[in-house]
């Protein structure tokens, strides 16, 4: 009897990761003799990168810019595939009773970020640069996760917070947050990264994991009931779920673009998030 491979995977508790949960619930990994255990990371990319480093996580589904930065800064992992090809739509939020009315009012203000190196941190820098500001002038307030940002707003400890537009939409609808703008990541938003030790010791299992998730993503994108599932699990308004679904494209295993990775690296070097010479081959490994 073939031995079962144990693998630990993490991702944000957001609608993007429904295909992973479907694959696990349907026993698709077990059918390949893989026991894949999922952990939700409300703290996002920074928290997952930390656990890849300390070996408590084998695979992670995280923001492209966050894991590229962390691998460049010593994380012993490699990106193996794009997971979501479309860009992330970041909402720029302020407390509902804030006097700030547009992103232009937020230059040099206090930005809540989940943790250093997270997407909320890096995109605050990217957005500032795109607006012609000095990103180093942004004051950062560490809040851990979305609930931490809500508390920081309530306690008047932060002025702005960037998070995925549709995940924060219920808070905007309820009158807790107000969205003053939005910005797109200039690259695919989510990638799959694996610890190098796992790639060395369990490459066939990793290949099977990618084959399973790519098939599930293909089915999810073409299933008309997927929108209903998003509404049910994440309490979005049906029209918001439809808009999100239409704007989101999952990868089904296409080769990763070195040009795209170079754009990410160059951007992060310009922001001084990466201070070393890094090539796409340093952060990516093909496993097909």
Protein backbone atom coordinates (compact mmCIF):
# COMPACT_ATOMS: atom_id res chain seq x y z
CA UNK A 1 0.00 0.00 0.00
CA UNK A 2 1.37 3.40 -0.98
CA UNK A 3 2.41 5.62 1.92
CA UNK A 4 0.39 8.81 2.47
CA UNK A 5 2.31 12.10 2.22
CA UNK A 6 1.49 14.66 4.92
CA UNK A 7 1.51 18.29 3.72
CA UNK A 8 0.47 21.47 5.56
CA UNK A 9 -0.92 24.37 3.55
CA UNK A 10 -2.08 27.84 4.54
CA UNK A 11 -4.02 30.66 2.96
CA UNK A 12 -6.18 33.65 3.79
CA UNK A 13 -9.80 32.97 4.84
CA UNK A 14 -11.15 34.58 1.68
CA UNK A 15 -13.26 33.62 -1.31
CA UNK A 16 -10.21 33.10 -3.55
CA UNK A 17 -9.43 29.87 -1.71
CA UNK A 18 -12.79 28.12 -2.09
CA UNK A 19 -11.28 25.69 -4.69
CA UNK A 20 -8.79 24.44 -2.06
CA UNK A 21 -11.57 23.71 0.41
CA UNK A 22 -13.63 22.01 -2.29
CA UNK A 23 -10.68 19.77 -3.22
CA UNK A 24 -10.10 18.82 0.41
CA UNK A 25 -13.81 18.22 1.15
CA UNK A 26 -14.20 16.07 -1.96
CA UNK A 27 -11.20 13.92 -1.01
CA UNK A 28 -9.30 14.76 -4.20
CA UNK A 29 -5.93 14.95 -2.45
CA UNK A 30 -6.61 11.83 -0.40
CA UNK A 31 -7.26 10.01 -3.68
CA UNK A 32 -3.64 10.83 -4.58
CA UNK A 33 -2.38 9.54 -1.20
CA UNK A 34 -1.84 13.08 0.10
CA UNK A 35 -3.18 14.24 3.45
CA UNK A 36 -3.33 18.00 2.87
CA UNK A 37 -4.26 19.91 6.02
CA UNK A 38 -5.40 23.53 5.62
CA UNK A 39 -4.83 26.39 8.07
CA UNK A 40 -6.53 29.78 7.74
CA UNK A 41 -4.22 32.78 8.14
CA UNK A 42 -6.23 35.93 8.99
CA UNK A 43 -2.86 37.66 9.40
CA UNK A 44 -2.20 37.18 5.70
CA UNK A 45 1.00 36.87 3.72
CA UNK A 46 3.38 38.07 6.43
CA UNK A 47 2.14 35.42 8.86
CA UNK A 48 2.40 32.66 6.25
CA UNK A 49 5.90 33.73 5.21
CA UNK A 50 6.96 33.52 8.86
CA UNK A 51 5.64 29.95 9.16
CA UNK A 52 7.28 28.89 5.89
CA UNK A 53 10.53 30.14 7.40
CA UNK A 54 10.12 28.29 10.69
CA UNK A 55 8.98 25.07 9.02
CA UNK A 56 5.46 24.84 10.46
CA UNK A 57 3.96 25.32 6.99
CA UNK A 58 4.91 23.43 3.81
CA UNK A 59 2.87 25.22 1.13
CA UNK A 60 1.27 28.67 1.15
CA UNK A 61 -1.11 30.58 -1.10
CA UNK A 62 -0.01 34.17 -0.68
CA UNK A 63 0.32 37.58 -2.28
CA UNK A 64 2.90 37.72 -5.04
CA UNK A 65 4.69 40.85 -3.86
CA UNK A 66 4.86 39.64 -0.26
CA UNK A 67 6.45 36.26 -0.93
CA UNK A 68 8.83 37.62 -3.60
CA UNK A 69 10.09 40.12 -1.02
CA UNK A 70 10.44 37.48 1.69
CA UNK A 71 12.23 34.95 -0.53
CA UNK A 72 14.61 37.71 -1.65
CA UNK A 73 15.22 38.45 2.01
CA UNK A 74 16.09 34.87 2.92
CA UNK A 75 12.94 32.75 3.08
CA UNK A 76 14.02 29.24 1.98
CA UNK A 77 11.00 28.74 -0.30
CA UNK A 78 10.20 28.96 -3.99
CA UNK A 79 7.17 30.10 -5.96
CA UNK A 80 5.96 27.14 -8.02
CA UNK A 81 2.90 28.57 -9.75
CA UNK A 82 0.58 31.54 -10.08
CA UNK A 83 -2.71 30.77 -8.31
CA UNK A 84 -4.87 33.78 -9.24
CA UNK A 85 -3.83 35.46 -12.50
CA UNK A 86 -5.97 38.58 -12.16
CA UNK A 87 -4.76 41.54 -10.09
CA UNK A 88 -6.06 42.13 -6.60
CA UNK A 89 -8.43 45.05 -6.23
CA UNK A 90 -7.32 46.86 -3.09
CA UNK A 91 -9.86 49.13 -1.45
CA UNK A 92 -8.44 52.23 0.26
CA UNK A 93 -10.50 52.64 3.42
CA UNK A 94 -10.94 55.23 6.16
CA UNK A 95 -13.26 55.21 9.20
CA UNK A 96 -16.79 56.12 8.14
CA UNK A 97 -16.70 59.34 10.21
CA UNK A 98 -13.27 60.39 8.93
CA UNK A 99 -12.81 63.82 7.38
CA UNK A 100 -10.66 62.32 4.62
CA UNK A 101 -12.57 62.17 1.33
CA UNK A 102 -10.05 60.88 -1.22
CA UNK A 103 -6.71 59.06 -1.40
CA UNK A 104 -5.04 62.44 -2.01
CA UNK A 105 -5.90 63.40 1.59
CA UNK A 106 -3.86 60.48 2.95
CA UNK A 107 -0.32 61.53 2.09
CA UNK A 108 1.88 60.99 5.14
CA UNK A 109 -1.02 59.69 7.24
CA UNK A 110 -1.19 56.63 9.49
CA UNK A 111 -1.73 53.43 7.48
CA UNK A 112 -2.85 50.30 9.31
CA UNK A 113 -0.94 47.24 8.01
CA UNK A 114 -1.33 43.64 9.09
CA UNK A 115 2.43 43.22 9.53
CA UNK A 116 5.70 44.31 7.94
CA UNK A 117 6.14 42.62 4.57
CA UNK A 118 2.43 41.96 4.21
CA UNK A 119 0.41 42.93 1.16
CA UNK A 120 -1.27 45.76 3.07
CA UNK A 121 2.20 47.13 3.86
CA UNK A 122 3.74 46.71 0.42
CA UNK A 123 0.69 47.99 -1.47
CA UNK A 124 0.59 51.09 0.73
CA UNK A 125 4.14 51.70 -0.53
CA UNK A 126 3.27 50.87 -4.16
CA UNK A 127 0.20 53.11 -4.08
CA UNK A 128 2.16 55.98 -2.51
CA UNK A 129 4.82 55.70 -5.22
CA UNK A 130 2.20 55.68 -7.98
CA UNK A 131 0.77 58.89 -6.52
CA UNK A 132 4.19 60.56 -6.50
CA UNK A 133 4.61 60.45 -2.72
CA UNK A 134 7.62 59.35 -0.72
CA UNK A 135 6.54 55.91 0.55
CA UNK A 136 8.99 56.14 3.44
CA UNK A 137 6.94 59.08 4.78
CA UNK A 138 3.91 56.86 5.42
CA UNK A 139 3.44 56.13 9.13
CA UNK A 140 2.66 52.43 9.60
CA UNK A 141 0.50 51.02 12.41
CA UNK A 142 0.77 47.24 12.90
CA UNK A 143 -2.68 45.75 13.47
CA UNK A 144 -2.30 42.00 12.75
CA UNK A 145 -5.37 41.48 10.56
CA UNK A 146 -8.71 42.90 9.43
CA UNK A 147 -10.17 42.81 12.95
CA UNK A 148 -7.08 44.66 14.19
CA UNK A 149 -7.67 47.36 11.58
CA UNK A 150 -11.28 47.70 12.73
CA UNK A 151 -10.09 48.19 16.29
CA UNK A 152 -7.43 50.72 15.19
CA UNK A 153 -10.08 52.74 13.36
CA UNK A 154 -12.43 52.59 16.35
CA UNK A 155 -9.67 53.73 18.72
CA UNK A 156 -8.52 56.48 16.31
CA UNK A 157 -5.07 54.88 16.04
CA UNK A 158 -4.99 54.73 12.21
CA UNK A 159 -6.25 56.89 9.35
CA UNK A 160 -6.30 54.46 6.41
CA UNK A 161 -6.28 50.76 5.64
CA UNK A 162 -5.86 48.88 2.37
CA UNK A 163 -7.53 45.46 2.01
CA UNK A 164 -9.18 43.40 -0.70
CA UNK A 165 -12.18 45.42 -1.88
CA UNK A 166 -14.84 42.73 -1.75
CA UNK A 167 -13.79 41.26 1.62
CA UNK A 168 -14.26 44.70 3.20
CA UNK A 169 -17.46 45.50 1.28
CA UNK A 170 -19.76 44.30 4.13
CA UNK A 171 -17.98 46.75 6.47
CA UNK A 172 -18.49 49.54 3.95
CA UNK A 173 -22.15 48.59 3.53
CA UNK A 174 -22.68 48.57 7.31
CA UNK A 175 -21.24 52.08 7.67
CA UNK A 176 -18.13 51.07 9.65
CA UNK A 177 -15.61 51.70 6.84
CA UNK A 178 -15.76 54.19 3.99
CA UNK A 179 -13.90 53.38 0.76
CA UNK A 180 -12.28 56.51 -0.69
CA UNK A 181 -10.48 54.83 -3.58
CA UNK A 182 -9.03 51.63 -4.93
CA UNK A 183 -5.87 50.45 -6.63
CA UNK A 184 -4.80 47.32 -8.51
CA UNK A 185 -1.72 45.22 -8.05
CA UNK A 186 0.31 45.57 -11.28
CA UNK A 187 0.77 41.77 -11.41
CA UNK A 188 -1.13 38.51 -10.69
CA UNK A 189 -2.28 38.66 -7.10
CA UNK A 190 -1.77 35.19 -5.57
CA UNK A 191 0.94 32.57 -6.06
CA UNK A 192 1.67 29.17 -4.54
CA UNK A 193 4.98 28.86 -2.69
CA UNK A 194 6.61 25.74 -1.26
CA UNK A 195 9.49 25.30 1.16
CA UNK A 196 12.65 24.17 -0.64
CA UNK A 197 13.02 21.20 1.73
CA UNK A 198 9.56 19.98 0.69
CA UNK A 199 10.41 20.41 -2.99
CA UNK A 200 13.53 18.32 -2.48
CA UNK A 201 11.86 15.55 -0.47
CA UNK A 202 8.28 15.44 -1.81
CA UNK A 203 8.33 16.81 -5.35
CA UNK A 204 5.94 14.18 -6.81
CA UNK A 205 3.38 14.99 -4.10
CA UNK A 206 3.68 18.72 -4.81
CA UNK A 207 3.12 18.03 -8.52
CA UNK A 208 -0.03 16.06 -7.68
CA UNK A 209 -1.30 18.88 -5.45
CA UNK A 210 -0.92 21.36 -8.31
CA UNK A 211 -2.63 19.03 -10.79
CA UNK A 212 -5.62 18.63 -8.45
CA UNK A 213 -6.01 22.32 -7.64
CA UNK A 214 -5.67 23.38 -11.29
CA UNK A 215 -8.50 21.03 -12.27
CA UNK A 216 -10.68 22.27 -9.42
CA UNK A 217 -10.03 25.91 -10.33
CA UNK A 218 -11.02 25.22 -13.92
CA UNK A 219 -14.30 23.67 -12.76
CA UNK A 220 -14.94 26.47 -10.27
CA UNK A 221 -14.52 29.14 -12.96
CA UNK A 222 -17.03 27.42 -15.26
CA UNK A 223 -19.61 26.44 -12.61
CA UNK A 224 -22.58 28.85 -12.58
CA UNK A 225 -23.28 27.89 -8.93
CA UNK A 226 -19.90 29.21 -7.75
CA UNK A 227 -21.31 32.72 -7.23
CA UNK A 228 -23.99 31.34 -4.90
CA UNK A 229 -21.29 29.60 -2.89
CA UNK A 230 -19.38 32.88 -2.47
CA UNK A 231 -22.57 34.63 -1.29
CA UNK A 232 -23.27 31.84 1.20
CA UNK A 233 -19.77 31.49 2.65
CA UNK A 234 -18.66 35.12 2.73
CA UNK A 235 -21.95 37.00 3.14
CA UNK A 236 -21.48 39.19 0.08
CA UNK A 237 -24.39 40.80 -1.69
CA UNK A 238 -25.19 38.77 -4.84
CA UNK A 239 -24.27 41.67 -7.13
CA UNK A 240 -20.90 42.05 -5.36
CA UNK A 241 -20.21 38.33 -5.67
CA UNK A 242 -21.02 38.48 -9.40
CA UNK A 243 -18.70 41.49 -9.87
CA UNK A 244 -15.89 39.78 -7.96
CA UNK A 245 -16.31 36.50 -9.83
CA UNK A 246 -16.24 38.26 -13.21
CA UNK A 247 -13.02 40.11 -12.29
CA UNK A 248 -11.17 37.02 -11.01
CA UNK A 249 -9.20 34.53 -13.12
CA UNK A 250 -7.58 31.49 -11.55
CA UNK A 251 -4.52 29.89 -13.08
CA UNK A 252 -4.82 26.38 -14.43
CA UNK A 253 -1.10 25.63 -14.55
CA UNK A 254 0.29 27.99 -17.17
CA UNK A 255 4.07 28.66 -16.99
CA UNK A 256 4.95 31.62 -14.81
CA UNK A 257 6.24 34.75 -16.54
CA UNK A 258 9.81 35.72 -15.70
CA UNK A 259 9.02 39.19 -17.02
CA UNK A 260 6.23 39.51 -14.45
CA UNK A 261 8.53 38.37 -11.65
CA UNK A 262 11.16 40.87 -12.77
CA UNK A 263 8.55 43.65 -12.59
CA UNK A 264 7.74 42.67 -9.00
CA UNK A 265 11.42 42.47 -8.06
CA UNK A 266 12.27 45.82 -9.67
CA UNK A 267 9.31 47.52 -7.98
CA UNK A 268 10.30 46.16 -4.57
CA UNK A 269 13.91 47.18 -5.14
CA UNK A 270 12.77 50.72 -6.02
CA UNK A 271 10.81 50.78 -2.76
CA UNK A 272 13.91 49.50 -0.90
CA UNK A 273 11.93 46.51 0.35
CA UNK A 274 14.53 44.35 -1.43
CA UNK A 275 18.10 45.61 -1.07
CA UNK A 276 19.96 42.74 -2.78
CA UNK A 277 20.47 41.67 -6.39
CA UNK A 278 17.74 39.13 -7.14
CA UNK A 279 16.79 37.34 -10.36
CA UNK A 280 13.47 35.64 -11.17
CA UNK A 281 15.24 32.28 -10.99
CA UNK A 282 16.06 33.01 -7.34
CA UNK A 283 12.39 33.13 -6.36
CA UNK A 284 10.79 30.64 -8.76
CA UNK A 285 11.17 26.91 -9.47
CA UNK A 286 9.36 25.03 -12.18
CA UNK A 287 8.00 21.71 -10.94
CA UNK A 288 6.18 20.36 -14.00
